[in-house]
Amino acid sequence: MATELETWEESLRNIFYELDHILEDRYGSTFPLNPVRAGHGATNNPEDSGLFDVGAAFSAGFGSRHGEGYVIETRWATLKPVPEETRKEAESIVEAYLNRRLPEVFPGKNLQVVRDGTLLKIIGDLSLK
C-alpha cells in the first residue's frame, strides 16, 4: 500500500506526464530529438522518451523568499539550441497548466506556481492531509 507521500507525489507526477504530452504536441516536431533518446511514447515513462522531461523536486527553500516548495524543471532532449523565447513560451505553458490543474487535483490546498528568481516553484499547503 502506498504511503500518503507516495500517493501525493504520484498525483503530481501524473500532472507532469500530462504536461509532457502537451509540450510534445506543441514542440515535438520543431526540434530534432537527441539521438540517444527514445522517441515520444516509446517507453512507459514519459520522462525517458521524447523531447521533454518535465518534473519537480522538493526544495526546503533555504534562501528563497517563497520558502519550501517543488522546483519545476523542464528539460529539452535536443542537441539543437532552443531559443530563449521558445523556452519562455514553454515555461508559460507549464505555469498556466499547473495553475489550472493543481487546484483540481489537490482541492483545498491553495497550491500555486510562482517565480522564485529564475525558477518556477509550486508553493502552498504541501501537507499530506
N, C-alpha and C. Protein backbone atom coordinates (compact mmCIF):
# COMPACT_ATOMS: atom_id res chain seq x y z
N MET A 1 0.84 -1.18 0.00
CA MET A 1 0.00 0.00 0.00
C MET A 1 0.88 1.25 0.00
N ALA A 2 0.54 2.19 -0.82
CA ALA A 2 1.34 3.42 -0.95
C ALA A 2 1.15 4.32 0.26
N THR A 3 2.23 5.00 0.62
CA THR A 3 2.15 5.97 1.71
C THR A 3 1.45 7.22 1.19
N GLU A 4 1.05 8.09 2.10
CA GLU A 4 0.41 9.35 1.70
C GLU A 4 1.35 10.18 0.83
N LEU A 5 2.64 10.18 1.18
CA LEU A 5 3.62 10.93 0.38
C LEU A 5 3.72 10.35 -1.03
N GLU A 6 3.78 9.04 -1.13
CA GLU A 6 3.87 8.41 -2.46
C GLU A 6 2.64 8.71 -3.30
N THR A 7 1.48 8.68 -2.68
CA THR A 7 0.23 8.99 -3.39
C THR A 7 0.23 10.43 -3.86
N TRP A 8 0.66 11.35 -2.98
CA TRP A 8 0.71 12.78 -3.30
C TRP A 8 1.66 13.01 -4.49
N GLU A 9 2.85 12.44 -4.40
CA GLU A 9 3.84 12.64 -5.45
C GLU A 9 3.44 11.95 -6.76
N GLU A 10 2.72 10.84 -6.69
CA GLU A 10 2.23 10.20 -7.91
C GLU A 10 1.19 11.09 -8.59
N SER A 11 0.33 11.71 -7.81
CA SER A 11 -0.66 12.64 -8.39
C SER A 11 0.03 13.80 -9.09
N LEU A 12 1.07 14.33 -8.45
CA LEU A 12 1.83 15.42 -9.05
C LEU A 12 2.55 14.96 -10.31
N ARG A 13 3.14 13.77 -10.24
CA ARG A 13 3.86 13.22 -11.40
C ARG A 13 2.90 13.03 -12.58
N ASN A 14 1.67 12.61 -12.32
CA ASN A 14 0.70 12.43 -13.40
C ASN A 14 0.38 13.75 -14.10
N ILE A 15 0.34 14.84 -13.35
CA ILE A 15 0.14 16.16 -13.97
C ILE A 15 1.32 16.47 -14.90
N PHE A 16 2.53 16.15 -14.45
CA PHE A 16 3.70 16.39 -15.29
C PHE A 16 3.69 15.51 -16.54
N TYR A 17 3.16 14.30 -16.44
CA TYR A 17 3.01 13.46 -17.63
C TYR A 17 2.04 14.10 -18.61
N GLU A 18 0.96 14.67 -18.11
CA GLU A 18 0.02 15.39 -18.97
C GLU A 18 0.73 16.54 -19.68
N LEU A 19 1.52 17.28 -18.92
CA LEU A 19 2.28 18.40 -19.49
C LEU A 19 3.26 17.93 -20.54
N ASP A 20 3.88 16.79 -20.31
CA ASP A 20 4.81 16.23 -21.28
C ASP A 20 4.12 16.06 -22.63
N HIS A 21 2.92 15.51 -22.62
CA HIS A 21 2.17 15.31 -23.87
C HIS A 21 1.81 16.63 -24.53
N ILE A 22 1.43 17.61 -23.73
CA ILE A 22 1.08 18.92 -24.27
C ILE A 22 2.29 19.55 -24.96
N LEU A 23 3.44 19.51 -24.28
CA LEU A 23 4.66 20.10 -24.85
C LEU A 23 5.13 19.32 -26.07
N GLU A 24 5.00 18.00 -26.04
CA GLU A 24 5.37 17.19 -27.21
C GLU A 24 4.51 17.56 -28.41
N ASP A 25 3.20 17.73 -28.17
CA ASP A 25 2.30 18.12 -29.27
C ASP A 25 2.69 19.48 -29.83
N ARG A 26 3.10 20.38 -28.97
CA ARG A 26 3.42 21.75 -29.40
C ARG A 26 4.80 21.86 -30.07
N TYR A 27 5.81 21.19 -29.49
CA TYR A 27 7.19 21.39 -29.94
C TYR A 27 7.88 20.13 -30.48
N GLY A 28 7.25 18.99 -30.36
CA GLY A 28 7.91 17.72 -30.70
C GLY A 28 8.49 17.63 -32.10
N SER A 29 7.85 18.28 -33.05
CA SER A 29 8.36 18.23 -34.43
C SER A 29 9.22 19.44 -34.77
N THR A 30 9.39 20.34 -33.82
CA THR A 30 10.14 21.57 -34.06
C THR A 30 11.65 21.39 -33.89
N PHE A 31 12.04 20.49 -32.98
CA PHE A 31 13.45 20.29 -32.67
C PHE A 31 13.80 18.82 -32.83
N PRO A 32 14.99 18.54 -33.37
CA PRO A 32 15.40 17.15 -33.51
C PRO A 32 15.70 16.54 -32.13
N LEU A 33 15.24 15.33 -31.96
CA LEU A 33 15.46 14.61 -30.71
C LEU A 33 16.93 14.22 -30.57
N ASN A 34 17.44 14.30 -29.36
CA ASN A 34 18.80 13.83 -29.09
C ASN A 34 18.88 12.38 -29.57
N PRO A 35 19.91 12.04 -30.35
CA PRO A 35 20.00 10.69 -30.93
C PRO A 35 20.04 9.56 -29.90
N VAL A 36 20.40 9.83 -28.67
CA VAL A 36 20.45 8.77 -27.66
C VAL A 36 19.13 8.64 -26.90
N ARG A 37 18.14 9.41 -27.29
CA ARG A 37 16.85 9.44 -26.59
C ARG A 37 15.79 8.73 -27.42
N ALA A 38 14.97 7.91 -26.76
CA ALA A 38 13.86 7.22 -27.43
C ALA A 38 12.80 8.23 -27.84
N GLY A 39 12.09 7.93 -28.90
CA GLY A 39 11.02 8.80 -29.38
C GLY A 39 9.87 8.89 -28.39
N HIS A 40 9.09 9.95 -28.52
CA HIS A 40 7.95 10.17 -27.63
C HIS A 40 7.02 8.96 -27.65
N GLY A 41 6.70 8.45 -26.46
CA GLY A 41 5.80 7.32 -26.33
C GLY A 41 6.47 5.96 -26.49
N ALA A 42 7.77 5.94 -26.74
CA ALA A 42 8.48 4.67 -26.95
C ALA A 42 8.72 3.91 -25.65
N THR A 43 8.60 4.59 -24.52
CA THR A 43 8.77 3.94 -23.22
C THR A 43 7.49 4.15 -22.41
N ASN A 44 7.36 3.41 -21.33
CA ASN A 44 6.19 3.55 -20.46
C ASN A 44 6.24 4.82 -19.64
N ASN A 45 7.40 5.41 -19.54
CA ASN A 45 7.59 6.59 -18.71
C ASN A 45 7.95 7.79 -19.59
N PRO A 46 7.07 8.81 -19.64
CA PRO A 46 7.36 9.98 -20.48
C PRO A 46 8.67 10.70 -20.12
N GLU A 47 9.17 10.48 -18.92
CA GLU A 47 10.43 11.10 -18.52
C GLU A 47 11.60 10.54 -19.33
N ASP A 48 11.42 9.33 -19.87
CA ASP A 48 12.52 8.64 -20.53
C ASP A 48 12.46 8.68 -22.05
N SER A 49 11.46 9.37 -22.61
CA SER A 49 11.34 9.40 -24.06
C SER A 49 10.83 10.75 -24.52
N GLY A 50 11.05 11.01 -25.78
CA GLY A 50 10.56 12.26 -26.36
C GLY A 50 11.47 13.44 -26.06
N LEU A 51 11.00 14.58 -26.49
CA LEU A 51 11.78 15.81 -26.41
C LEU A 51 11.85 16.38 -25.00
N PHE A 52 10.91 15.99 -24.12
CA PHE A 52 10.82 16.63 -22.81
C PHE A 52 10.92 15.67 -21.65
N ASP A 53 11.41 16.21 -20.57
CA ASP A 53 11.34 15.59 -19.24
C ASP A 53 10.90 16.71 -18.32
N VAL A 54 9.65 16.65 -17.89
CA VAL A 54 9.08 17.68 -17.04
C VAL A 54 8.83 17.08 -15.68
N GLY A 55 9.30 17.75 -14.65
CA GLY A 55 9.10 17.24 -13.30
C GLY A 55 9.42 18.29 -12.27
N ALA A 56 9.43 17.85 -11.02
CA ALA A 56 9.70 18.76 -9.93
C ALA A 56 10.45 18.03 -8.83
N ALA A 57 11.23 18.78 -8.10
CA ALA A 57 11.97 18.25 -6.97
C ALA A 57 11.69 19.13 -5.76
N PHE A 58 11.48 18.50 -4.62
CA PHE A 58 11.20 19.27 -3.42
C PHE A 58 12.44 20.06 -2.99
N SER A 59 12.19 21.29 -2.56
CA SER A 59 13.25 22.14 -2.03
C SER A 59 12.80 22.68 -0.67
N ALA A 60 13.69 22.61 0.30
CA ALA A 60 13.38 23.14 1.63
C ALA A 60 13.26 24.65 1.61
N GLY A 61 13.76 25.28 0.55
CA GLY A 61 13.56 26.72 0.38
C GLY A 61 14.52 27.61 1.11
N PHE A 62 15.63 27.08 1.55
CA PHE A 62 16.62 27.93 2.22
C PHE A 62 17.09 29.01 1.25
N GLY A 63 17.03 30.26 1.65
CA GLY A 63 17.45 31.36 0.80
C GLY A 63 16.39 31.82 -0.18
N SER A 64 15.22 31.23 -0.13
CA SER A 64 14.13 31.59 -1.03
C SER A 64 13.13 32.48 -0.32
N ARG A 65 12.63 33.47 -1.04
CA ARG A 65 11.62 34.33 -0.40
C ARG A 65 10.27 33.63 -0.31
N HIS A 66 10.11 32.51 -1.05
CA HIS A 66 8.85 31.76 -1.03
C HIS A 66 8.91 30.55 -0.11
N GLY A 67 10.08 30.23 0.42
CA GLY A 67 10.19 29.08 1.32
C GLY A 67 10.15 27.76 0.57
N GLU A 68 9.68 26.73 1.27
CA GLU A 68 9.69 25.39 0.69
C GLU A 68 8.70 25.26 -0.46
N GLY A 69 8.98 24.28 -1.30
CA GLY A 69 8.09 24.02 -2.42
C GLY A 69 8.75 23.05 -3.38
N TYR A 70 8.08 22.83 -4.48
CA TYR A 70 8.60 21.95 -5.52
C TYR A 70 9.11 22.79 -6.67
N VAL A 71 10.41 22.70 -6.93
CA VAL A 71 11.03 23.44 -8.04
C VAL A 71 10.76 22.66 -9.32
N ILE A 72 10.22 23.35 -10.30
CA ILE A 72 9.81 22.74 -11.56
C ILE A 72 10.98 22.77 -12.55
N GLU A 73 11.20 21.63 -13.19
CA GLU A 73 12.25 21.53 -14.20
C GLU A 73 11.63 21.09 -15.52
N THR A 74 11.97 21.77 -16.58
CA THR A 74 11.58 21.37 -17.93
C THR A 74 12.85 21.21 -18.74
N ARG A 75 13.22 19.96 -19.00
CA ARG A 75 14.45 19.68 -19.74
C ARG A 75 14.10 19.31 -21.18
N TRP A 76 14.90 19.84 -22.10
CA TRP A 76 14.73 19.59 -23.54
C TRP A 76 15.78 18.58 -23.97
N ALA A 77 15.37 17.51 -24.61
CA ALA A 77 16.30 16.46 -25.06
C ALA A 77 16.61 16.66 -26.54
N THR A 78 17.36 17.72 -26.82
CA THR A 78 17.78 18.01 -28.18
C THR A 78 19.20 18.56 -28.14
N LEU A 79 19.93 18.36 -29.21
CA LEU A 79 21.27 18.93 -29.30
C LEU A 79 21.23 20.32 -29.95
N LYS A 80 20.09 20.65 -30.54
CA LYS A 80 19.93 21.96 -31.19
C LYS A 80 19.62 23.01 -30.11
N PRO A 81 20.27 24.17 -30.19
CA PRO A 81 19.96 25.21 -29.21
C PRO A 81 18.49 25.64 -29.29
N VAL A 82 17.86 25.75 -28.13
CA VAL A 82 16.47 26.19 -28.06
C VAL A 82 16.48 27.68 -27.75
N PRO A 83 15.90 28.49 -28.63
CA PRO A 83 15.89 29.93 -28.40
C PRO A 83 15.22 30.28 -27.06
N GLU A 84 15.75 31.30 -26.41
CA GLU A 84 15.21 31.73 -25.12
C GLU A 84 13.72 32.04 -25.20
N GLU A 85 13.29 32.65 -26.28
CA GLU A 85 11.87 32.97 -26.45
C GLU A 85 11.01 31.69 -26.44
N THR A 86 11.51 30.63 -27.07
CA THR A 86 10.79 29.36 -27.11
C THR A 86 10.77 28.73 -25.72
N ARG A 87 11.89 28.79 -25.02
CA ARG A 87 11.93 28.26 -23.65
C ARG A 87 10.93 28.98 -22.76
N LYS A 88 10.89 30.30 -22.88
CA LYS A 88 9.96 31.08 -22.06
C LYS A 88 8.51 30.78 -22.41
N GLU A 89 8.25 30.59 -23.70
CA GLU A 89 6.90 30.24 -24.13
C GLU A 89 6.48 28.89 -23.52
N ALA A 90 7.37 27.90 -23.57
CA ALA A 90 7.08 26.59 -22.99
C ALA A 90 6.90 26.70 -21.48
N GLU A 91 7.71 27.51 -20.84
CA GLU A 91 7.60 27.71 -19.40
C GLU A 91 6.25 28.34 -19.05
N SER A 92 5.78 29.24 -19.88
CA SER A 92 4.46 29.86 -19.66
C SER A 92 3.35 28.83 -19.79
N ILE A 93 3.50 27.91 -20.73
CA ILE A 93 2.52 26.83 -20.88
C ILE A 93 2.50 25.98 -19.62
N VAL A 94 3.68 25.63 -19.12
CA VAL A 94 3.81 24.83 -17.90
C VAL A 94 3.15 25.56 -16.73
N GLU A 95 3.47 26.82 -16.56
CA GLU A 95 2.94 27.61 -15.45
C GLU A 95 1.41 27.69 -15.50
N ALA A 96 0.87 28.01 -16.66
CA ALA A 96 -0.58 28.15 -16.79
C ALA A 96 -1.29 26.81 -16.56
N TYR A 97 -0.74 25.75 -17.12
CA TYR A 97 -1.36 24.44 -16.97
C TYR A 97 -1.36 24.00 -15.50
N LEU A 98 -0.23 24.18 -14.84
CA LEU A 98 -0.15 23.79 -13.43
C LEU A 98 -1.10 24.62 -12.57
N ASN A 99 -1.18 25.91 -12.84
CA ASN A 99 -2.08 26.75 -12.04
C ASN A 99 -3.55 26.36 -12.26
N ARG A 100 -3.85 25.73 -13.39
CA ARG A 100 -5.21 25.23 -13.62
C ARG A 100 -5.42 23.87 -12.99
N ARG A 101 -4.45 22.96 -13.17
CA ARG A 101 -4.62 21.57 -12.72
C ARG A 101 -4.39 21.33 -11.23
N LEU A 102 -3.49 22.08 -10.62
CA LEU A 102 -3.20 21.84 -9.20
C LEU A 102 -4.45 21.95 -8.32
N PRO A 103 -5.29 22.99 -8.48
CA PRO A 103 -6.50 23.05 -7.64
C PRO A 103 -7.49 21.91 -7.93
N GLU A 104 -7.47 21.39 -9.15
CA GLU A 104 -8.36 20.28 -9.49
C GLU A 104 -7.90 18.98 -8.85
N VAL A 105 -6.60 18.75 -8.85
CA VAL A 105 -6.04 17.50 -8.33
C VAL A 105 -5.85 17.55 -6.81
N PHE A 106 -5.57 18.74 -6.30
CA PHE A 106 -5.34 18.92 -4.86
C PHE A 106 -6.30 19.99 -4.32
N PRO A 107 -7.60 19.71 -4.31
CA PRO A 107 -8.56 20.73 -3.86
C PRO A 107 -8.31 21.14 -2.41
N GLY A 108 -8.48 22.43 -2.15
CA GLY A 108 -8.33 22.95 -0.80
C GLY A 108 -6.90 23.17 -0.34
N LYS A 109 -5.92 22.87 -1.18
CA LYS A 109 -4.51 23.01 -0.80
C LYS A 109 -3.94 24.39 -1.11
N ASN A 110 -4.64 25.18 -1.90
CA ASN A 110 -4.16 26.51 -2.29
C ASN A 110 -2.75 26.45 -2.87
N LEU A 111 -2.53 25.48 -3.75
CA LEU A 111 -1.23 25.36 -4.41
C LEU A 111 -1.20 26.30 -5.60
N GLN A 112 -0.05 26.92 -5.81
CA GLN A 112 0.11 27.82 -6.94
C GLN A 112 1.55 27.79 -7.42
N VAL A 113 1.72 28.20 -8.64
CA VAL A 113 3.05 28.27 -9.24
C VAL A 113 3.49 29.73 -9.19
N VAL A 114 4.69 29.95 -8.65
CA VAL A 114 5.24 31.30 -8.56
C VAL A 114 6.65 31.30 -9.14
N ARG A 115 7.11 32.47 -9.47
CA ARG A 115 8.51 32.65 -9.88
C ARG A 115 9.33 32.85 -8.61
N ASP A 116 10.39 32.08 -8.53
CA ASP A 116 11.32 32.19 -7.41
C ASP A 116 12.69 32.43 -8.04
N GLY A 117 13.01 33.69 -8.25
CA GLY A 117 14.20 34.04 -9.02
C GLY A 117 13.95 33.66 -10.47
N THR A 118 14.81 32.81 -11.02
CA THR A 118 14.64 32.38 -12.42
C THR A 118 13.86 31.06 -12.52
N LEU A 119 13.46 30.51 -11.38
CA LEU A 119 12.80 29.22 -11.36
C LEU A 119 11.30 29.35 -11.18
N LEU A 120 10.58 28.30 -11.58
CA LEU A 120 9.18 28.17 -11.23
C LEU A 120 9.10 27.22 -10.04
N LYS A 121 8.19 27.53 -9.11
CA LYS A 121 8.08 26.71 -7.92
C LYS A 121 6.61 26.57 -7.54
N ILE A 122 6.24 25.36 -7.11
CA ILE A 122 4.91 25.12 -6.57
C ILE A 122 4.97 25.35 -5.07
N ILE A 123 4.12 26.26 -4.61
CA ILE A 123 4.07 26.56 -3.17
C ILE A 123 2.63 26.44 -2.70
N GLY A 124 2.46 26.49 -1.41
CA GLY A 124 1.14 26.42 -0.81
C GLY A 124 1.13 25.36 0.27
N ASP A 125 -0.05 24.83 0.54
CA ASP A 125 -0.22 23.81 1.58
C ASP A 125 0.31 22.48 1.05
N LEU A 126 1.51 22.13 1.45
CA LEU A 126 2.14 20.89 1.00
C LEU A 126 1.91 19.73 1.97
N SER A 127 1.02 19.95 2.95
CA SER A 127 0.74 18.88 3.90
C SER A 127 0.05 17.72 3.19
N LEU A 128 0.18 16.55 3.76
CA LEU A 128 -0.37 15.35 3.12
C LEU A 128 -1.82 15.10 3.47
N LYS A 129 -2.34 15.78 4.44
CA LYS A 129 -3.75 15.58 4.88
C LYS A 129 -4.62 16.66 4.33
